[in-house]
Protein backbone atom coordinates (compact mmCIF):
# COMPACT_ATOMS: atom_id res chain seq x y z
CA MET A 1 326.00 59.08 58.44
CA ILE A 2 323.98 62.32 58.76
CA ASN A 3 326.04 65.43 59.43
CA MET A 4 323.24 66.49 61.92
CA HIS A 5 324.83 69.90 62.32
CA LYS A 6 323.77 70.78 58.70
CA ALA A 7 320.76 68.68 57.89
CA SER A 8 317.10 69.63 58.59
CA PRO A 9 315.26 67.06 61.13
CA ALA A 10 312.67 66.70 58.27
CA LEU A 11 315.68 65.20 55.67
CA ALA A 12 317.44 63.55 58.39
CA LEU A 13 314.23 61.91 59.44
CA LEU A 14 313.41 60.90 55.60
CA PHE A 15 316.86 59.83 55.61
CA MET A 16 316.55 57.53 58.33
CA THR A 17 313.75 55.47 56.65
CA LEU A 18 314.65 55.69 53.06
CA TRP A 19 318.45 54.69 53.03
CA TRP A 20 317.11 50.95 53.73
CA VAL A 21 313.70 50.91 52.54
CA LEU A 22 314.34 52.04 48.92
CA PRO A 23 316.89 49.46 48.03
CA VAL A 24 314.75 46.75 49.19
CA PHE A 25 311.53 47.96 47.36
CA ALA A 26 313.84 48.53 44.47
CA LEU A 27 314.83 45.02 44.36
CA HIS A 28 311.17 43.76 44.75
CA LEU A 29 310.07 46.17 41.90
CA TRP A 30 312.84 44.41 39.79
CA ARG A 31 311.77 41.00 40.81
CA TYR A 32 308.05 41.10 40.81
CA PRO A 33 305.95 42.52 38.09
CA PHE A 34 304.24 45.68 39.11
CA ILE A 35 300.65 45.28 38.18
CA ALA A 36 300.74 41.47 39.11
CA TYR A 37 301.93 42.29 42.69
CA ILE A 38 300.27 45.91 43.20
CA ALA A 39 299.07 44.81 46.67
CA SER A 40 302.67 43.99 47.73
CA HIS A 41 304.02 47.04 46.32
CA THR A 42 301.28 49.28 47.90
CA LEU A 43 303.01 47.82 51.37
CA TYR A 44 306.33 49.98 50.49
CA GLY A 45 304.18 52.83 49.31
CA VAL A 46 302.50 52.83 52.73
CA ILE A 47 305.85 52.94 54.53
CA ILE A 48 307.51 55.59 52.16
CA GLY A 49 304.07 57.93 52.37
CA ILE A 50 304.26 57.90 56.31
CA ALA A 51 308.02 58.67 56.11
CA VAL A 52 307.23 61.46 53.90
CA LEU A 53 304.20 62.56 56.10
CA ALA A 54 306.77 62.35 59.41
CA SER A 55 309.21 64.58 57.79
CA ILE A 56 306.86 67.21 56.49
CA GLY A 57 305.53 67.14 60.30
CA ALA A 58 309.38 67.50 61.61
CA ALA A 59 309.60 70.74 59.12
CA ILE A 60 306.54 72.21 60.35
CA LEU A 61 307.55 71.48 64.22
CA ASN A 62 310.75 72.83 63.37
CA SER A 63 309.59 76.09 61.71
CA SER A 64 307.08 76.48 64.72
CA VAL A 65 309.89 75.63 67.37
CA PRO A 66 313.28 76.55 65.75
CA HIS A 67 315.27 74.91 68.68
CA TRP A 68 317.20 72.76 66.07
CA LYS A 69 319.93 74.68 65.10
CA ASP A 70 321.03 75.60 68.77
CA ALA A 71 320.44 71.99 70.11
CA SER A 72 323.23 69.68 70.78
CA SER A 73 324.29 66.74 68.23
CA TRP A 74 323.02 64.27 71.19
CA GLU A 75 319.93 66.20 71.51
CA LYS A 76 319.32 66.38 67.87
CA TYR A 77 319.97 62.27 67.72
CA PHE A 78 317.61 62.01 70.74
CA TRP A 79 314.82 63.84 68.98
CA LEU A 80 315.34 62.05 65.89
CA CYS A 81 315.27 58.79 67.22
CA THR A 82 312.09 59.48 69.23
CA ALA A 83 310.89 60.98 66.01
CA TYR A 84 311.62 57.78 64.35
CA THR A 85 310.20 55.35 66.92
CA VAL A 86 306.87 57.19 66.90
CA GLN A 87 307.16 56.99 63.09
CA MET A 88 307.59 53.23 63.06
CA ALA A 89 304.97 52.70 65.48
CA ILE A 90 302.51 54.42 63.02
CA THR A 91 303.66 52.76 60.01
CA LEU A 92 303.52 49.07 61.75
CA THR A 93 300.03 49.78 63.46
CA THR A 94 298.96 50.94 59.79
CA VAL A 95 300.65 47.98 58.04
CA LEU A 96 299.12 45.75 60.31
CA VAL A 97 295.39 47.18 59.97
CA LEU A 98 295.85 46.88 56.17
CA ASP A 99 297.03 43.76 56.34
CA ALA A 100 293.95 42.64 58.74
CA TYR A 101 291.59 43.92 56.17
CA HIS A 102 293.60 42.45 53.04
CA MET A 103 294.48 45.54 51.42
CA ILE A 104 298.27 44.55 51.48
CA GLY A 105 300.18 41.72 50.63
CA TYR A 106 303.77 40.56 50.57
CA TYR A 107 304.53 38.52 47.48
CA GLY A 108 302.51 35.63 48.59
CA GLY A 109 303.23 35.67 52.16
CA ASP A 110 301.55 37.84 54.98
CA GLY A 111 301.63 41.22 54.88
CA GLY A 112 302.02 42.07 58.22
CA GLY A 113 304.90 39.70 58.91
CA SER A 114 306.84 41.01 56.09
CA ILE A 115 309.27 44.03 55.73
CA GLY A 116 307.18 45.60 58.60
CA MET A 117 308.79 43.08 60.89
CA LEU A 118 312.11 45.02 60.18
CA LEU A 119 310.69 48.39 61.44
CA PHE A 120 311.34 48.11 65.31
CA PRO A 121 314.51 46.47 64.59
CA SER A 122 315.35 49.60 62.63
CA VAL A 123 314.51 51.81 65.85
CA LEU A 124 316.89 49.60 67.81
CA PHE A 125 319.78 49.80 64.98
CA TYR A 126 319.56 53.78 65.59
CA PHE A 127 319.60 53.52 69.46
CA ALA A 128 322.55 50.96 69.29
CA ALA A 129 324.42 52.92 66.81
CA GLY A 130 324.17 55.89 68.82
CA MET A 131 325.25 54.32 71.92
CA ALA A 132 328.26 52.71 70.22
CA VAL A 133 329.35 56.42 68.90
CA LYS A 134 328.80 57.77 72.23
CA ILE A 135 330.98 55.05 73.94
CA ILE A 136 333.59 55.47 71.33
CA LYS A 137 333.83 58.83 71.73
CA HIS A 138 333.98 58.53 75.61
CA LEU A 139 336.94 56.18 75.44
CA ARG A 140 338.57 58.41 73.02
CA SER A 141 338.57 61.61 75.30
CA GLN A 142 339.83 59.12 78.11
CA GLY A 143 342.85 58.23 75.55
CA ALA A 144 341.62 54.17 75.72
CA VAL A 145 340.87 54.17 71.60
CA ASP A 146 342.68 55.97 68.97
């Protein structure tokens, strides 16, 4: 898990996407020839590109409003999840538009119904993980869990 006390919001936001996208992309690069499936590989370029742009935006916002170092860990988690949700909404919209114009593919399948379908479940994963950590911390403070 990310140590949010030390990580910049830009790096944390980038990590939230890349830890699961890069391994799948690497697997597909290994399995499918690059040139023959360039439209399919472009899908990952879009996802990674938007993640990088969102991270740059987070860095600019953090330098303009340097609230990050003073925020509580739950405040940081809330803002990261919010930024990640916005990033995934933009990414999914972009993927669907590019798919509608047949500019991306998905290894013989539908580019819009591809890894793009993991974007919003990943948002739910982060919110659920945060809630689970909060519940466990609460139970520990009550002495119910060791």
